[in-house]
Amino acid sequence: YVMVIPSRQLVIVRRGEDPGTARFDIARFAADVAAALP
């Protein structure tokens, strides 16, 4: 996944596979990363 958030001057890249039937929530991940940064 690649998520670009121009208003925050932020690019988030997530690499990897989801094991089995697990689903990765990219929206939640991006929100958590953005919230953790100043």
N, C-alpha and C. Protein backbone atom coordinates (compact mmCIF):
# COMPACT_ATOMS: atom_id res chain seq x y z
N TYR A 1 0.83 -1.18 0.00
CA TYR A 1 0.00 0.00 0.00
C TYR A 1 0.88 1.24 0.00
N VAL A 2 0.41 2.27 -0.68
CA VAL A 2 1.03 3.59 -0.62
C VAL A 2 -0.09 4.59 -0.40
N MET A 3 0.05 5.39 0.63
CA MET A 3 -0.95 6.41 0.94
C MET A 3 -0.24 7.75 0.95
N VAL A 4 -0.74 8.70 0.17
CA VAL A 4 -0.17 10.05 0.10
C VAL A 4 -1.18 11.01 0.71
N ILE A 5 -0.71 11.80 1.67
CA ILE A 5 -1.55 12.80 2.33
C ILE A 5 -0.88 14.15 2.12
N PRO A 6 -1.22 14.83 1.01
CA PRO A 6 -0.54 16.09 0.67
C PRO A 6 -0.67 17.16 1.75
N SER A 7 -1.81 17.26 2.39
CA SER A 7 -2.01 18.31 3.39
C SER A 7 -1.09 18.14 4.59
N ARG A 8 -0.61 16.93 4.82
CA ARG A 8 0.32 16.67 5.93
C ARG A 8 1.75 16.49 5.44
N GLN A 9 1.97 16.65 4.12
CA GLN A 9 3.27 16.39 3.49
C GLN A 9 3.79 15.02 3.96
N LEU A 10 2.94 14.01 3.76
CA LEU A 10 3.19 12.68 4.32
C LEU A 10 2.97 11.61 3.27
N VAL A 11 3.89 10.68 3.19
CA VAL A 11 3.75 9.49 2.36
C VAL A 11 3.94 8.28 3.27
N ILE A 12 2.97 7.39 3.28
CA ILE A 12 3.02 6.18 4.10
C ILE A 12 3.10 4.99 3.17
N VAL A 13 4.08 4.12 3.41
CA VAL A 13 4.24 2.92 2.60
C VAL A 13 4.17 1.72 3.53
N ARG A 14 3.33 0.78 3.20
CA ARG A 14 3.23 -0.45 3.97
C ARG A 14 3.53 -1.60 3.03
N ARG A 15 4.54 -2.37 3.38
CA ARG A 15 4.92 -3.52 2.56
C ARG A 15 4.67 -4.79 3.36
N GLY A 16 4.29 -5.84 2.68
CA GLY A 16 4.11 -7.11 3.36
C GLY A 16 2.83 -7.80 2.92
N GLU A 17 2.67 -8.99 3.43
CA GLU A 17 1.49 -9.79 3.11
C GLU A 17 0.61 -9.93 4.34
N ASP A 18 -0.67 -10.15 4.09
CA ASP A 18 -1.60 -10.44 5.16
C ASP A 18 -1.69 -11.95 5.30
N PRO A 19 -1.44 -12.49 6.48
CA PRO A 19 -1.48 -13.94 6.65
C PRO A 19 -2.91 -14.49 6.56
N GLY A 20 -3.08 -15.55 5.81
CA GLY A 20 -4.37 -16.23 5.73
C GLY A 20 -5.52 -15.32 5.36
N THR A 21 -6.55 -15.31 6.19
CA THR A 21 -7.74 -14.50 5.90
C THR A 21 -7.71 -13.15 6.60
N ALA A 22 -6.60 -12.84 7.28
CA ALA A 22 -6.50 -11.55 7.97
C ALA A 22 -6.54 -10.42 6.95
N ARG A 23 -7.23 -9.35 7.30
CA ARG A 23 -7.33 -8.18 6.43
C ARG A 23 -6.64 -7.01 7.11
N PHE A 24 -5.80 -6.32 6.34
CA PHE A 24 -5.08 -5.16 6.85
C PHE A 24 -5.93 -3.92 6.63
N ASP A 25 -6.14 -3.13 7.67
CA ASP A 25 -6.97 -1.92 7.58
C ASP A 25 -6.05 -0.73 7.29
N ILE A 26 -5.87 -0.43 6.01
CA ILE A 26 -4.95 0.65 5.61
C ILE A 26 -5.44 2.01 6.09
N ALA A 27 -6.73 2.23 6.12
CA ALA A 27 -7.26 3.52 6.59
C ALA A 27 -6.93 3.73 8.06
N ARG A 28 -7.11 2.71 8.86
CA ARG A 28 -6.80 2.80 10.30
C ARG A 28 -5.30 2.99 10.50
N PHE A 29 -4.50 2.25 9.75
CA PHE A 29 -3.05 2.36 9.85
C PHE A 29 -2.59 3.77 9.51
N ALA A 30 -3.11 4.32 8.41
CA ALA A 30 -2.72 5.67 7.99
C ALA A 30 -3.15 6.71 9.03
N ALA A 31 -4.35 6.55 9.57
CA ALA A 31 -4.83 7.47 10.60
C ALA A 31 -3.95 7.41 11.85
N ASP A 32 -3.57 6.21 12.26
CA ASP A 32 -2.71 6.06 13.43
C ASP A 32 -1.33 6.67 13.21
N VAL A 33 -0.76 6.46 12.03
CA VAL A 33 0.55 7.04 11.71
C VAL A 33 0.45 8.56 11.69
N ALA A 34 -0.56 9.10 11.03
CA ALA A 34 -0.72 10.56 10.94
C ALA A 34 -0.92 11.16 12.33
N ALA A 35 -1.66 10.48 13.19
CA ALA A 35 -1.91 10.98 14.54
C ALA A 35 -0.65 10.96 15.40
N ALA A 36 0.26 10.05 15.10
CA ALA A 36 1.48 9.93 15.89
C ALA A 36 2.54 10.97 15.51
N LEU A 37 2.37 11.62 14.38
CA LEU A 37 3.34 12.61 13.91
C LEU A 37 2.88 14.02 14.24
N PRO A 38 3.84 14.92 14.46
CA PRO A 38 3.47 16.31 14.78
C PRO A 38 2.82 17.04 13.62
